[in-house]
Amino acid sequence: MAKGRNLLNTELQVINIGLDLFYHSLLTQNVTAVQVDWKPRPKLDPKLELILSKIL
């Protein structure tokens, strides 16, 4: 139980993957945060997937 209490007494640090709005909201609240610009891969035709997997 002591570890849980310790966690609540430490500075919040966030890695945000996704919405810029959430990231900027954290910054306005003086939360240490970094933004990761990540998007899921689009769904492609299976033939195109195969071609891309060979060249990437």
C-alpha atoms as a PDB file:
ATOM      1  CA  MET A   1       0.000   0.000   0.000  1.00  0.00           C
ATOM      2  CA  ALA A   2       2.923   2.374   0.669  1.00  0.00           C
ATOM      3  CA  LYS A   3       4.010   2.207  -2.986  1.00  0.00           C
ATOM      4  CA  GLY A   4       0.573   3.371  -4.118  1.00  0.00           C
ATOM      5  CA  ARG A   5       0.717   6.362  -1.809  1.00  0.00           C
ATOM      6  CA  ASN A   6       4.195   7.204  -3.096  1.00  0.00           C
ATOM      7  CA  LEU A   7       2.920   7.195  -6.670  1.00  0.00           C
ATOM      8  CA  LEU A   8       0.291   9.806  -5.866  1.00  0.00           C
ATOM      9  CA  ASN A   9       2.895  12.096  -4.335  1.00  0.00           C
ATOM     10  CA  THR A  10       5.163  12.210  -7.410  1.00  0.00           C
ATOM     11  CA  GLU A  11       5.069  14.671 -10.297  1.00  0.00           C
ATOM     12  CA  LEU A  12       2.859  13.551 -13.161  1.00  0.00           C
ATOM     13  CA  GLN A  13       4.743  12.930 -16.421  1.00  0.00           C
ATOM     14  CA  VAL A  14       2.789  11.989 -19.542  1.00  0.00           C
ATOM     15  CA  ILE A  15       3.641  10.584 -22.956  1.00  0.00           C
ATOM     16  CA  ASN A  16       0.657  11.482 -25.128  1.00  0.00           C
ATOM     17  CA  ILE A  17       0.045   9.418 -28.253  1.00  0.00           C
ATOM     18  CA  GLY A  18      -2.789  10.884 -30.218  1.00  0.00           C
ATOM     19  CA  LEU A  19      -4.878  13.959 -29.701  1.00  0.00           C
ATOM     20  CA  ASP A  20      -2.975  17.260 -29.699  1.00  0.00           C
ATOM     21  CA  LEU A  21      -5.844  18.776 -27.719  1.00  0.00           C
ATOM     22  CA  PHE A  22      -5.134  16.459 -24.786  1.00  0.00           C
ATOM     23  CA  TYR A  23      -1.416  17.289 -24.923  1.00  0.00           C
ATOM     24  CA  HIS A  24      -2.029  21.042 -24.917  1.00  0.00           C
ATOM     25  CA  SER A  25      -4.521  20.675 -22.089  1.00  0.00           C
ATOM     26  CA  LEU A  26      -1.834  18.970 -19.995  1.00  0.00           C
ATOM     27  CA  LEU A  27       0.636  21.764 -20.732  1.00  0.00           C
ATOM     28  CA  THR A  28      -1.818  24.450 -19.627  1.00  0.00           C
ATOM     29  CA  GLN A  29      -2.056  22.603 -16.307  1.00  0.00           C
ATOM     30  CA  ASN A  30       1.761  22.639 -15.946  1.00  0.00           C
ATOM     31  CA  VAL A  31       2.019  18.872 -16.416  1.00  0.00           C
ATOM     32  CA  THR A  32       5.266  17.587 -17.904  1.00  0.00           C
ATOM     33  CA  ALA A  33       4.254  16.020 -21.219  1.00  0.00           C
ATOM     34  CA  VAL A  34       5.619  14.999 -24.596  1.00  0.00           C
ATOM     35  CA  GLN A  35       3.594  14.522 -27.760  1.00  0.00           C
ATOM     36  CA  VAL A  36       4.206  11.549 -30.063  1.00  0.00           C
ATOM     37  CA  ASP A  37       2.969  12.060 -33.609  1.00  0.00           C
ATOM     38  CA  TRP A  38       1.666   8.581 -34.377  1.00  0.00           C
ATOM     39  CA  LYS A  39      -1.125   7.345 -36.589  1.00  0.00           C
ATOM     40  CA  PRO A  40      -2.203   3.759 -37.210  1.00  0.00           C
ATOM     41  CA  ARG A  41      -1.352   2.296 -40.573  1.00  0.00           C
ATOM     42  CA  PRO A  42      -4.177   2.556 -43.099  1.00  0.00           C
ATOM     43  CA  LYS A  43      -5.911  -0.581 -44.323  1.00  0.00           C
ATOM     44  CA  LEU A  44      -4.624  -1.439 -47.775  1.00  0.00           C
ATOM     45  CA  ASP A  45      -5.391  -3.981 -50.410  1.00  0.00           C
ATOM     46  CA  PRO A  46      -3.562  -7.222 -49.468  1.00  0.00           C
ATOM     47  CA  LYS A  47      -1.533  -7.105 -52.717  1.00  0.00           C
ATOM     48  CA  LEU A  48      -0.328  -3.589 -51.911  1.00  0.00           C
ATOM     49  CA  GLU A  49       0.507  -4.660 -48.359  1.00  0.00           C
ATOM     50  CA  LEU A  50       2.717  -7.416 -49.724  1.00  0.00           C
ATOM     51  CA  ILE A  51       4.504  -5.078 -52.131  1.00  0.00           C
ATOM     52  CA  LEU A  52       5.099  -2.470 -49.443  1.00  0.00           C
ATOM     53  CA  SER A  53       6.345  -5.055 -46.940  1.00  0.00           C
ATOM     54  CA  LYS A  54       9.018  -6.081 -49.430  1.00  0.00           C
ATOM     55  CA  ILE A  55      10.292  -2.573 -50.141  1.00  0.00           C
ATOM     56  CA  LEU A  56      10.046  -1.006 -46.680  1.00  0.00           C
END
